[in-house]
Amino acid sequence: MSKVKKGVYGVLRGSFLTDESAFKNWRIIIFVVGLLLIMISSAHNADKKVIKISELNKKKRELRAEYVDTGTILMRMKMESSIREKAKARGLQPSEAPPKK
């Protein structure tokens, strides 16, 4: 067999884990697996934060719309014409003489 075939066959059989220098290989493999686990958990945390941000943005838009609607209703209630109508319904009329200081 050629060197390349032996190398590929050795990797497929897992002989790099059972050789004399296996301790070095195991340390590197455990280190790489640890890094992969950290990367996966970091990606999941980032996804959770993105979802939370989109939910908060949606709620912010809803609250902003409610704020604008409430402000519009308040402005209509403060208009002089609406106050006159409400006062007329209670039997009140505007004064003919202006107030004196």
N, C-alpha and C. Protein backbone atom coordinates (compact mmCIF):
# COMPACT_ATOMS: atom_id res chain seq x y z
N MET A 1 0.83 -1.19 0.00
CA MET A 1 0.00 0.00 0.00
C MET A 1 0.87 1.25 0.00
N SER A 2 0.34 2.29 -0.60
CA SER A 2 1.09 3.53 -0.63
C SER A 2 0.93 4.25 0.71
N LYS A 3 1.76 5.24 0.90
CA LYS A 3 1.72 5.99 2.17
C LYS A 3 0.39 6.69 2.37
N VAL A 4 -0.18 7.22 1.31
CA VAL A 4 -1.46 7.95 1.40
C VAL A 4 -2.56 6.99 1.79
N LYS A 5 -2.59 5.83 1.18
CA LYS A 5 -3.62 4.84 1.49
C LYS A 5 -3.49 4.38 2.95
N LYS A 6 -2.25 4.17 3.39
CA LYS A 6 -2.03 3.76 4.78
C LYS A 6 -2.50 4.85 5.74
N GLY A 7 -2.21 6.08 5.39
CA GLY A 7 -2.62 7.21 6.25
C GLY A 7 -4.13 7.32 6.35
N VAL A 8 -4.81 7.23 5.22
CA VAL A 8 -6.27 7.31 5.20
C VAL A 8 -6.87 6.13 5.94
N TYR A 9 -6.30 4.94 5.69
CA TYR A 9 -6.80 3.73 6.35
C TYR A 9 -6.58 3.82 7.86
N GLY A 10 -5.46 4.36 8.27
CA GLY A 10 -5.18 4.53 9.70
C GLY A 10 -6.16 5.50 10.36
N VAL A 11 -6.49 6.58 9.68
CA VAL A 11 -7.45 7.56 10.22
C VAL A 11 -8.83 6.94 10.31
N LEU A 12 -9.23 6.20 9.28
CA LEU A 12 -10.56 5.58 9.30
C LEU A 12 -10.66 4.51 10.39
N ARG A 13 -9.57 3.78 10.63
CA ARG A 13 -9.57 2.77 11.69
C ARG A 13 -9.48 3.38 13.08
N GLY A 14 -8.99 4.61 13.16
CA GLY A 14 -8.85 5.28 14.45
C GLY A 14 -7.54 4.94 15.13
N SER A 15 -6.57 4.51 14.37
CA SER A 15 -5.29 4.14 14.97
C SER A 15 -4.56 5.36 15.55
N PHE A 16 -4.88 6.57 15.11
CA PHE A 16 -4.24 7.76 15.67
C PHE A 16 -4.66 7.98 17.12
N LEU A 17 -5.72 7.30 17.56
CA LEU A 17 -6.15 7.41 18.95
C LEU A 17 -5.54 6.33 19.84
N THR A 18 -4.97 5.29 19.24
CA THR A 18 -4.42 4.19 20.03
C THR A 18 -2.92 4.04 19.89
N ASP A 19 -2.25 4.89 19.17
CA ASP A 19 -0.80 4.83 19.02
C ASP A 19 -0.09 5.28 20.29
N GLU A 20 1.24 5.30 20.23
CA GLU A 20 2.04 5.77 21.36
C GLU A 20 1.83 7.25 21.62
N SER A 21 1.64 8.01 20.57
CA SER A 21 1.46 9.45 20.72
C SER A 21 -0.02 9.82 20.85
N ALA A 22 -0.83 8.89 21.29
CA ALA A 22 -2.27 9.12 21.38
C ALA A 22 -2.62 10.19 22.42
N PHE A 23 -1.79 10.31 23.47
CA PHE A 23 -2.09 11.30 24.50
C PHE A 23 -2.13 12.71 23.92
N LYS A 24 -1.20 13.04 23.03
CA LYS A 24 -1.19 14.35 22.36
C LYS A 24 -2.46 14.53 21.53
N ASN A 25 -2.83 13.48 20.81
CA ASN A 25 -4.02 13.57 19.96
C ASN A 25 -5.28 13.75 20.81
N TRP A 26 -5.37 13.03 21.91
CA TRP A 26 -6.55 13.16 22.77
C TRP A 26 -6.67 14.56 23.34
N ARG A 27 -5.55 15.14 23.75
CA ARG A 27 -5.60 16.51 24.30
C ARG A 27 -6.11 17.49 23.25
N ILE A 28 -5.62 17.35 22.04
CA ILE A 28 -6.06 18.27 20.97
C ILE A 28 -7.54 18.03 20.66
N ILE A 29 -7.95 16.78 20.60
CA ILE A 29 -9.36 16.48 20.29
C ILE A 29 -10.28 17.01 21.37
N ILE A 30 -9.90 16.82 22.64
CA ILE A 30 -10.74 17.32 23.75
C ILE A 30 -10.78 18.85 23.72
N PHE A 31 -9.66 19.49 23.41
CA PHE A 31 -9.62 20.94 23.31
C PHE A 31 -10.55 21.44 22.20
N VAL A 32 -10.49 20.79 21.04
CA VAL A 32 -11.34 21.20 19.90
C VAL A 32 -12.82 20.97 20.23
N VAL A 33 -13.14 19.85 20.88
CA VAL A 33 -14.54 19.58 21.26
C VAL A 33 -15.02 20.64 22.26
N GLY A 34 -14.17 21.01 23.20
CA GLY A 34 -14.53 22.07 24.15
C GLY A 34 -14.81 23.38 23.44
N LEU A 35 -13.95 23.74 22.50
CA LEU A 35 -14.17 24.98 21.73
C LEU A 35 -15.47 24.92 20.94
N LEU A 36 -15.76 23.75 20.37
CA LEU A 36 -17.01 23.59 19.61
C LEU A 36 -18.23 23.75 20.51
N LEU A 37 -18.16 23.19 21.72
CA LEU A 37 -19.29 23.33 22.65
C LEU A 37 -19.49 24.79 23.06
N ILE A 38 -18.40 25.49 23.29
CA ILE A 38 -18.50 26.91 23.63
C ILE A 38 -19.09 27.70 22.47
N MET A 39 -18.67 27.38 21.25
CA MET A 39 -19.19 28.07 20.07
C MET A 39 -20.69 27.81 19.89
N ILE A 40 -21.11 26.57 20.09
CA ILE A 40 -22.53 26.24 19.93
C ILE A 40 -23.37 26.95 20.97
N SER A 41 -22.92 26.94 22.23
CA SER A 41 -23.71 27.61 23.27
C SER A 41 -23.75 29.11 23.03
N SER A 42 -22.66 29.67 22.55
CA SER A 42 -22.62 31.10 22.25
C SER A 42 -23.60 31.45 21.13
N ALA A 43 -23.67 30.61 20.12
CA ALA A 43 -24.61 30.85 19.02
C ALA A 43 -26.06 30.76 19.50
N HIS A 44 -26.35 29.81 20.38
CA HIS A 44 -27.71 29.70 20.91
C HIS A 44 -28.08 30.92 21.74
N ASN A 45 -27.15 31.39 22.55
CA ASN A 45 -27.41 32.60 23.34
C ASN A 45 -27.65 33.81 22.44
N ALA A 46 -26.89 33.92 21.37
CA ALA A 46 -27.08 35.03 20.44
C ALA A 46 -28.46 34.95 19.78
N ASP A 47 -28.88 33.75 19.41
CA ASP A 47 -30.21 33.58 18.80
C ASP A 47 -31.31 33.98 19.79
N LYS A 48 -31.16 33.58 21.05
CA LYS A 48 -32.15 33.95 22.06
C LYS A 48 -32.24 35.47 22.20
N LYS A 49 -31.10 36.13 22.18
CA LYS A 49 -31.09 37.59 22.32
C LYS A 49 -31.74 38.26 21.11
N VAL A 50 -31.50 37.74 19.93
CA VAL A 50 -32.13 38.31 18.72
C VAL A 50 -33.64 38.18 18.79
N ILE A 51 -34.13 37.02 19.23
CA ILE A 51 -35.57 36.81 19.36
C ILE A 51 -36.15 37.76 20.39
N LYS A 52 -35.48 37.93 21.52
CA LYS A 52 -35.94 38.83 22.58
C LYS A 52 -35.99 40.27 22.07
N ILE A 53 -34.98 40.68 21.32
CA ILE A 53 -34.94 42.04 20.78
C ILE A 53 -36.10 42.27 19.81
N SER A 54 -36.40 41.29 18.97
CA SER A 54 -37.52 41.46 18.03
C SER A 54 -38.85 41.54 18.77
N GLU A 55 -39.01 40.75 19.84
CA GLU A 55 -40.25 40.82 20.62
C GLU A 55 -40.38 42.19 21.29
N LEU A 56 -39.29 42.71 21.84
CA LEU A 56 -39.33 44.02 22.49
C LEU A 56 -39.60 45.14 21.48
N ASN A 57 -39.05 45.03 20.29
CA ASN A 57 -39.32 46.04 19.26
C ASN A 57 -40.79 46.03 18.85
N LYS A 58 -41.37 44.83 18.75
CA LYS A 58 -42.78 44.73 18.40
C LYS A 58 -43.64 45.36 19.50
N LYS A 59 -43.32 45.08 20.75
CA LYS A 59 -44.08 45.66 21.86
C LYS A 59 -43.91 47.18 21.90
N LYS A 60 -42.68 47.65 21.57
CA LYS A 60 -42.44 49.09 21.55
C LYS A 60 -43.30 49.78 20.50
N ARG A 61 -43.41 49.16 19.32
CA ARG A 61 -44.25 49.74 18.26
C ARG A 61 -45.71 49.79 18.69
N GLU A 62 -46.18 48.73 19.36
CA GLU A 62 -47.58 48.71 19.82
C GLU A 62 -47.82 49.80 20.86
N LEU A 63 -46.90 49.95 21.81
CA LEU A 63 -47.06 50.97 22.84
C LEU A 63 -46.98 52.38 22.24
N ARG A 64 -46.13 52.55 21.26
CA ARG A 64 -46.03 53.87 20.60
C ARG A 64 -47.35 54.22 19.89
N ALA A 65 -47.94 53.24 19.22
CA ALA A 65 -49.22 53.48 18.54
C ALA A 65 -50.30 53.80 19.56
N GLU A 66 -50.31 53.09 20.68
CA GLU A 66 -51.30 53.37 21.72
C GLU A 66 -51.10 54.77 22.30
N TYR A 67 -49.85 55.18 22.47
CA TYR A 67 -49.54 56.52 22.97
C TYR A 67 -50.07 57.60 22.02
N VAL A 68 -49.84 57.41 20.74
CA VAL A 68 -50.29 58.39 19.76
C VAL A 68 -51.82 58.46 19.74
N ASP A 69 -52.49 57.30 19.79
CA ASP A 69 -53.96 57.27 19.81
C ASP A 69 -54.51 57.98 21.05
N THR A 70 -53.91 57.71 22.19
CA THR A 70 -54.37 58.35 23.43
C THR A 70 -54.15 59.86 23.38
N GLY A 71 -53.02 60.29 22.82
CA GLY A 71 -52.76 61.73 22.68
C GLY A 71 -53.78 62.39 21.77
N THR A 72 -54.15 61.71 20.70
CA THR A 72 -55.15 62.26 19.78
C THR A 72 -56.51 62.40 20.47
N ILE A 73 -56.88 61.39 21.21
CA ILE A 73 -58.16 61.44 21.94
C ILE A 73 -58.15 62.57 22.95
N LEU A 74 -57.05 62.74 23.67
CA LEU A 74 -56.94 63.81 24.66
C LEU A 74 -57.03 65.18 24.00
N MET A 75 -56.39 65.36 22.85
CA MET A 75 -56.46 66.65 22.16
C MET A 75 -57.89 66.97 21.72
N ARG A 76 -58.62 65.95 21.28
CA ARG A 76 -60.02 66.18 20.89
C ARG A 76 -60.87 66.54 22.09
N MET A 77 -60.58 65.91 23.24
CA MET A 77 -61.36 66.20 24.44
C MET A 77 -61.09 67.61 24.96
N LYS A 78 -59.88 68.15 24.72
CA LYS A 78 -59.52 69.47 25.22
C LYS A 78 -59.97 70.60 24.29
N MET A 79 -60.47 70.27 23.12
CA MET A 79 -60.92 71.31 22.19
C MET A 79 -62.11 72.06 22.78
N GLU A 80 -62.16 73.36 22.50
CA GLU A 80 -63.21 74.21 23.06
C GLU A 80 -64.60 73.76 22.60
N SER A 81 -64.71 73.32 21.37
CA SER A 81 -66.02 72.93 20.86
C SER A 81 -66.55 71.70 21.61
N SER A 82 -65.68 70.74 21.91
CA SER A 82 -66.16 69.56 22.64
C SER A 82 -66.50 69.92 24.09
N ILE A 83 -65.78 70.87 24.67
CA ILE A 83 -66.09 71.30 26.04
C ILE A 83 -67.43 72.04 26.05
N ARG A 84 -67.67 72.87 25.06
CA ARG A 84 -68.96 73.58 24.98
C ARG A 84 -70.13 72.60 24.86
N GLU A 85 -69.96 71.55 24.04
CA GLU A 85 -71.03 70.55 23.88
C GLU A 85 -71.31 69.84 25.20
N LYS A 86 -70.28 69.48 25.91
CA LYS A 86 -70.46 68.79 27.19
C LYS A 86 -71.11 69.72 28.22
N ALA A 87 -70.70 70.99 28.20
CA ALA A 87 -71.29 71.95 29.14
C ALA A 87 -72.75 72.20 28.79
N LYS A 88 -73.07 72.26 27.50
CA LYS A 88 -74.45 72.47 27.07
C LYS A 88 -75.32 71.29 27.48
N ALA A 89 -74.78 70.08 27.42
CA ALA A 89 -75.53 68.89 27.84
C ALA A 89 -75.86 68.94 29.33
N ARG A 90 -75.03 69.61 30.12
CA ARG A 90 -75.28 69.74 31.57
C ARG A 90 -76.10 70.99 31.90
N GLY A 91 -76.40 71.78 30.92
CA GLY A 91 -77.22 72.97 31.13
C GLY A 91 -76.40 74.22 31.41
N LEU A 92 -75.13 74.22 31.15
CA LEU A 92 -74.28 75.39 31.37
C LEU A 92 -74.14 76.17 30.07
N GLN A 93 -74.01 77.49 30.20
CA GLN A 93 -73.83 78.34 29.03
C GLN A 93 -72.65 79.25 29.26
N PRO A 94 -71.98 79.68 28.18
CA PRO A 94 -70.86 80.61 28.37
C PRO A 94 -71.35 81.96 28.88
N SER A 95 -70.52 82.64 29.64
CA SER A 95 -70.86 83.93 30.22
C SER A 95 -70.90 85.00 29.13
N GLU A 96 -71.85 85.92 29.27
CA GLU A 96 -71.96 87.02 28.30
C GLU A 96 -70.96 88.12 28.63
N ALA A 97 -70.69 88.35 29.90
CA ALA A 97 -69.73 89.39 30.30
C ALA A 97 -68.37 88.74 30.57
N PRO A 98 -67.32 89.36 30.10
CA PRO A 98 -66.01 88.78 30.34
C PRO A 98 -65.64 88.91 31.84
N PRO A 99 -64.81 88.05 32.33
CA PRO A 99 -64.42 88.12 33.75
C PRO A 99 -63.56 89.36 34.02
N LYS A 100 -63.69 89.90 35.24
CA LYS A 100 -62.93 91.11 35.62
C LYS A 100 -61.87 90.70 36.63
N LYS A 101 -60.78 91.45 36.59
CA LYS A 101 -59.69 91.18 37.49
C LYS A 101 -59.82 91.99 38.75
